[in-house]
Amino acid sequence: MSELVYKVHVTRKMIVSDDSVSLHQAEGERIQRFMVDPYALGVIILNDEFLLTVDRVKRLERLLGSVFGEKIQVIY
């Protein structure tokens, strides 16, 4: 029996300027693709000041896994 793994996608908050409009649109399209995935549990958007380390990702996976009672994979 295979184990079901839910995915949580993490991305950064973007400040839109004239130079980065196409980058902002590409990131929006990427988030929309995540939400179509039947195993996507959610999308987390971080502020630029927050540093995401391997330890924090593992802690977030454990926290979300205990909250939802499922195995969670955080994708950055």
Protein backbone atom coordinates (compact mmCIF):
# COMPACT_ATOMS: atom_id res chain seq x y z
CA MET A 1 0.00 0.00 0.00
CA SER A 2 1.50 3.35 -1.02
CA GLU A 3 1.54 6.34 1.28
CA LEU A 4 -0.26 9.54 0.27
CA VAL A 5 1.95 12.64 0.50
CA TYR A 6 0.43 16.13 0.44
CA LYS A 7 2.52 19.04 -0.85
CA VAL A 8 2.85 22.54 0.54
CA HIS A 9 4.55 24.95 -1.85
CA VAL A 10 6.53 27.85 -0.39
CA THR A 11 7.35 30.97 -2.38
CA ARG A 12 8.51 34.51 -1.62
CA LYS A 13 6.47 37.70 -1.63
CA MET A 14 7.39 39.82 -4.64
CA ILE A 15 7.42 43.58 -4.98
CA VAL A 16 6.20 44.49 -8.46
CA SER A 17 8.07 47.13 -10.40
CA ASP A 18 8.16 47.85 -14.11
CA ASP A 19 11.24 45.66 -14.44
CA SER A 20 9.74 42.61 -12.77
CA VAL A 21 6.21 42.50 -14.22
CA SER A 22 6.98 39.44 -16.37
CA LEU A 23 8.67 37.72 -13.40
CA HIS A 24 5.61 38.44 -11.25
CA GLN A 25 3.30 36.99 -13.91
CA ALA A 26 5.45 33.86 -14.21
CA GLU A 27 5.35 33.36 -10.42
CA GLY A 28 1.55 33.77 -10.45
CA GLU A 29 1.23 31.14 -13.17
CA ARG A 30 3.49 28.79 -11.19
CA ILE A 31 1.28 29.19 -8.09
CA GLN A 32 -1.84 28.51 -10.17
CA ARG A 33 -0.26 25.27 -11.47
CA PHE A 34 0.43 24.23 -7.86
CA MET A 35 -3.21 24.70 -6.92
CA VAL A 36 -4.41 22.43 -9.75
CA ASP A 37 -2.31 19.55 -8.36
CA PRO A 38 -4.72 17.23 -6.48
CA TYR A 39 -2.07 16.61 -3.79
CA ALA A 40 -1.39 20.31 -3.14
CA LEU A 41 -2.41 21.17 0.39
CA GLY A 42 -1.55 24.84 0.16
CA VAL A 43 0.80 27.64 -0.81
CA ILE A 44 2.73 29.65 1.77
CA ILE A 45 4.02 33.09 0.76
CA LEU A 46 6.95 34.35 2.84
CA ASN A 47 8.19 37.90 3.42
CA ASP A 48 11.61 38.71 1.98
CA GLU A 49 13.08 39.03 5.50
CA PHE A 50 12.28 35.42 6.46
CA LEU A 51 15.17 33.02 5.91
CA LEU A 52 14.05 29.47 5.16
CA THR A 53 16.66 26.90 6.24
CA VAL A 54 16.63 23.11 5.96
CA ASP A 55 15.89 22.84 9.69
CA ARG A 56 12.92 25.17 9.34
CA VAL A 57 11.57 23.22 6.37
CA LYS A 58 11.78 19.95 8.33
CA ARG A 59 10.10 21.61 11.33
CA LEU A 60 7.34 22.96 9.09
CA GLU A 61 6.79 19.49 7.59
CA ARG A 62 6.47 17.97 11.09
CA LEU A 63 4.16 20.75 12.27
CA LEU A 64 1.81 20.53 9.28
CA GLY A 65 1.94 16.74 9.37
CA SER A 66 0.79 16.69 12.98
CA VAL A 67 -1.94 19.27 12.34
CA PHE A 68 -3.43 17.44 9.36
CA GLY A 69 -2.52 13.89 10.38
CA GLU A 70 -0.91 13.24 6.99
CA LYS A 71 2.60 13.12 5.56
CA ILE A 72 3.50 16.60 4.28
CA GLN A 73 6.25 17.56 1.82
CA VAL A 74 7.33 21.20 1.74
CA ILE A 75 8.52 22.32 -1.70
CA TYR A 76 10.52 25.54 -1.96
